[in-house]
């Protein structure tokens, strides 16, 4: 099953940026932010700060979500 990515705007470090993620990843990302009682933009900024090299923010968020749910 393939779901088309949905584009949403986030504010990182005072700048607006658009991120395209599949709806399932948006749901997971929002759920994780809520579990941590962290605003979505703040969580995105944390993930952004940890990115390495040429990794895109959308890819970093997907990997973050995957790793979150893989943890025991």
N, C-alpha and C. Protein backbone atom coordinates (compact mmCIF):
# COMPACT_ATOMS: atom_id res chain seq x y z
N UNK A 1 0.83 -1.16 0.00
CA UNK A 1 0.00 0.00 0.00
C UNK A 1 0.89 1.24 0.00
N UNK A 2 0.63 2.15 -0.89
CA UNK A 2 1.40 3.37 -1.00
C UNK A 2 0.50 4.56 -0.73
N UNK A 3 0.94 5.41 0.15
CA UNK A 3 0.20 6.61 0.49
C UNK A 3 1.00 7.81 0.02
N UNK A 4 0.33 8.78 -0.57
CA UNK A 4 1.02 9.97 -1.07
C UNK A 4 1.43 10.86 0.09
N UNK A 5 2.64 11.40 0.02
CA UNK A 5 3.08 12.32 1.07
C UNK A 5 2.21 13.58 1.13
N UNK A 6 2.06 14.09 2.33
CA UNK A 6 1.32 15.34 2.55
C UNK A 6 2.32 16.38 3.04
N UNK A 7 2.24 17.57 2.49
CA UNK A 7 3.16 18.64 2.84
C UNK A 7 2.56 19.50 3.94
N UNK A 8 3.36 19.76 4.97
CA UNK A 8 2.96 20.62 6.07
C UNK A 8 4.11 21.57 6.38
N UNK A 9 3.78 22.73 6.90
CA UNK A 9 4.79 23.72 7.26
C UNK A 9 5.17 23.56 8.73
N UNK A 10 6.46 23.71 8.99
CA UNK A 10 6.99 23.71 10.34
C UNK A 10 7.84 24.96 10.51
N UNK A 11 8.03 25.38 11.74
CA UNK A 11 8.91 26.50 12.02
C UNK A 11 10.10 25.97 12.80
N UNK A 12 11.29 26.12 12.21
CA UNK A 12 12.52 25.66 12.85
C UNK A 12 13.44 26.85 13.03
N UNK A 13 13.80 27.11 14.27
CA UNK A 13 14.75 28.20 14.56
C UNK A 13 14.27 29.52 13.96
N UNK A 14 12.95 29.76 14.01
CA UNK A 14 12.38 31.00 13.53
C UNK A 14 12.14 31.08 12.03
N UNK A 15 12.40 29.99 11.31
CA UNK A 15 12.21 29.97 9.86
C UNK A 15 11.18 28.91 9.48
N UNK A 16 10.30 29.26 8.55
CA UNK A 16 9.29 28.31 8.06
C UNK A 16 9.93 27.39 7.03
N UNK A 17 9.56 26.13 7.09
CA UNK A 17 10.00 25.16 6.11
C UNK A 17 8.86 24.18 5.87
N UNK A 18 8.82 23.59 4.70
CA UNK A 18 7.80 22.59 4.38
C UNK A 18 8.42 21.21 4.42
N UNK A 19 7.66 20.28 4.96
CA UNK A 19 8.11 18.89 5.04
C UNK A 19 7.00 18.01 4.47
N UNK A 20 7.38 17.10 3.60
CA UNK A 20 6.43 16.14 3.02
C UNK A 20 6.64 14.77 3.64
N UNK A 21 5.61 14.27 4.30
CA UNK A 21 5.63 12.94 4.90
C UNK A 21 4.32 12.24 4.58
N UNK A 22 4.35 10.94 4.56
CA UNK A 22 3.14 10.17 4.40
C UNK A 22 2.27 10.39 5.65
N UNK A 23 0.95 10.34 5.47
CA UNK A 23 0.06 10.59 6.62
C UNK A 23 0.37 9.71 7.84
N UNK A 24 0.78 8.49 7.61
CA UNK A 24 1.11 7.59 8.73
C UNK A 24 2.29 8.13 9.54
N UNK A 25 3.27 8.72 8.85
CA UNK A 25 4.41 9.30 9.55
C UNK A 25 4.02 10.58 10.27
N UNK A 26 3.14 11.40 9.67
CA UNK A 26 2.65 12.59 10.37
C UNK A 26 1.94 12.16 11.66
N UNK A 27 1.10 11.13 11.58
CA UNK A 27 0.38 10.65 12.76
C UNK A 27 1.37 10.18 13.84
N UNK A 28 2.37 9.41 13.43
CA UNK A 28 3.37 8.91 14.38
C UNK A 28 4.15 10.06 15.00
N UNK A 29 4.54 11.01 14.17
CA UNK A 29 5.31 12.16 14.63
C UNK A 29 4.52 12.98 15.65
N UNK A 30 3.25 13.22 15.37
CA UNK A 30 2.38 13.96 16.30
C UNK A 30 2.18 13.19 17.61
N UNK A 31 2.03 11.87 17.50
CA UNK A 31 1.84 11.04 18.68
C UNK A 31 3.08 11.08 19.58
N UNK A 32 4.24 10.97 18.97
CA UNK A 32 5.49 11.01 19.74
C UNK A 32 5.64 12.37 20.43
N UNK A 33 5.36 13.44 19.71
CA UNK A 33 5.44 14.78 20.30
C UNK A 33 4.48 14.90 21.49
N UNK A 34 3.27 14.38 21.35
CA UNK A 34 2.30 14.44 22.43
C UNK A 34 2.76 13.60 23.64
N UNK A 35 3.30 12.42 23.37
CA UNK A 35 3.81 11.57 24.45
C UNK A 35 4.91 12.28 25.24
N UNK A 36 5.71 13.06 24.54
CA UNK A 36 6.83 13.78 25.17
C UNK A 36 6.41 15.15 25.68
N UNK A 37 5.15 15.52 25.47
CA UNK A 37 4.65 16.85 25.85
C UNK A 37 5.54 17.94 25.25
N UNK A 38 5.90 17.74 23.99
CA UNK A 38 6.78 18.65 23.27
C UNK A 38 6.04 19.16 22.04
N UNK A 39 6.05 20.46 21.80
CA UNK A 39 5.42 20.97 20.58
C UNK A 39 6.07 20.35 19.34
N UNK A 40 5.28 20.14 18.32
CA UNK A 40 5.77 19.51 17.09
C UNK A 40 6.96 20.27 16.52
N UNK A 41 6.89 21.59 16.49
CA UNK A 41 8.00 22.38 15.96
C UNK A 41 9.27 22.19 16.78
N UNK A 42 9.14 22.09 18.10
CA UNK A 42 10.30 21.88 18.96
C UNK A 42 10.93 20.51 18.71
N UNK A 43 10.09 19.49 18.54
CA UNK A 43 10.61 18.16 18.26
C UNK A 43 11.29 18.14 16.89
N UNK A 44 10.70 18.79 15.92
CA UNK A 44 11.32 18.88 14.59
C UNK A 44 12.68 19.59 14.68
N UNK A 45 12.77 20.63 15.51
CA UNK A 45 14.04 21.34 15.68
C UNK A 45 15.10 20.45 16.32
N UNK A 46 14.68 19.61 17.28
CA UNK A 46 15.62 18.65 17.89
C UNK A 46 16.15 17.69 16.84
N UNK A 47 15.25 17.16 16.03
CA UNK A 47 15.65 16.22 14.97
C UNK A 47 16.55 16.93 13.97
N UNK A 48 16.20 18.15 13.61
CA UNK A 48 16.99 18.93 12.66
C UNK A 48 18.42 19.13 13.17
N UNK A 49 18.57 19.40 14.46
CA UNK A 49 19.88 19.65 15.04
C UNK A 49 20.77 18.40 15.01
N UNK A 50 20.14 17.22 14.97
CA UNK A 50 20.90 15.96 14.98
C UNK A 50 21.23 15.43 13.58
N UNK A 51 20.69 16.10 12.54
CA UNK A 51 20.92 15.61 11.17
C UNK A 51 22.40 15.69 10.82
N UNK A 52 22.80 14.75 9.96
CA UNK A 52 24.19 14.72 9.51
C UNK A 52 24.24 14.86 7.99
N UNK A 53 25.21 15.57 7.53
CA UNK A 53 25.48 15.65 6.10
C UNK A 53 24.32 16.13 5.28
N UNK A 54 24.00 15.37 4.25
CA UNK A 54 22.98 15.75 3.27
C UNK A 54 21.61 15.16 3.57
N UNK A 55 21.44 14.56 4.74
CA UNK A 55 20.17 13.94 5.09
C UNK A 55 19.07 15.00 5.14
N UNK A 56 17.97 14.75 4.44
CA UNK A 56 16.85 15.67 4.45
C UNK A 56 16.05 15.58 5.73
N UNK A 57 15.35 16.65 6.06
CA UNK A 57 14.57 16.67 7.29
C UNK A 57 13.46 15.62 7.27
N UNK A 58 12.79 15.45 6.14
CA UNK A 58 11.72 14.44 6.06
C UNK A 58 12.28 13.05 6.34
N UNK A 59 13.42 12.73 5.75
CA UNK A 59 14.05 11.42 6.01
C UNK A 59 14.43 11.28 7.46
N UNK A 60 14.96 12.34 8.05
CA UNK A 60 15.36 12.29 9.46
C UNK A 60 14.14 12.05 10.36
N UNK A 61 13.02 12.68 10.04
CA UNK A 61 11.80 12.47 10.83
C UNK A 61 11.31 11.04 10.68
N UNK A 62 11.33 10.51 9.47
CA UNK A 62 10.90 9.11 9.27
C UNK A 62 11.75 8.15 10.09
N UNK A 63 13.07 8.33 10.05
CA UNK A 63 13.98 7.46 10.80
C UNK A 63 13.76 7.63 12.30
N UNK A 64 13.55 8.86 12.74
CA UNK A 64 13.26 9.12 14.15
C UNK A 64 12.01 8.34 14.59
N UNK A 65 10.95 8.42 13.80
CA UNK A 65 9.71 7.70 14.13
C UNK A 65 9.93 6.20 14.14
N UNK A 66 10.62 5.69 13.15
CA UNK A 66 10.91 4.26 13.08
C UNK A 66 11.69 3.81 14.32
N UNK A 67 12.74 4.55 14.65
CA UNK A 67 13.56 4.19 15.81
C UNK A 67 12.75 4.28 17.11
N UNK A 68 11.87 5.25 17.21
CA UNK A 68 11.04 5.38 18.41
C UNK A 68 10.21 4.13 18.64
N UNK A 69 9.61 3.61 17.59
CA UNK A 69 8.73 2.45 17.74
C UNK A 69 9.49 1.12 17.75
N UNK A 70 10.74 1.13 17.38
CA UNK A 70 11.56 -0.08 17.46
C UNK A 70 12.10 -0.31 18.86
N UNK A 71 12.17 0.74 19.67
CA UNK A 71 12.72 0.62 21.01
C UNK A 71 11.82 -0.25 21.87
N UNK A 72 12.44 -1.07 22.72
CA UNK A 72 11.64 -1.94 23.60
C UNK A 72 10.93 -1.17 24.70
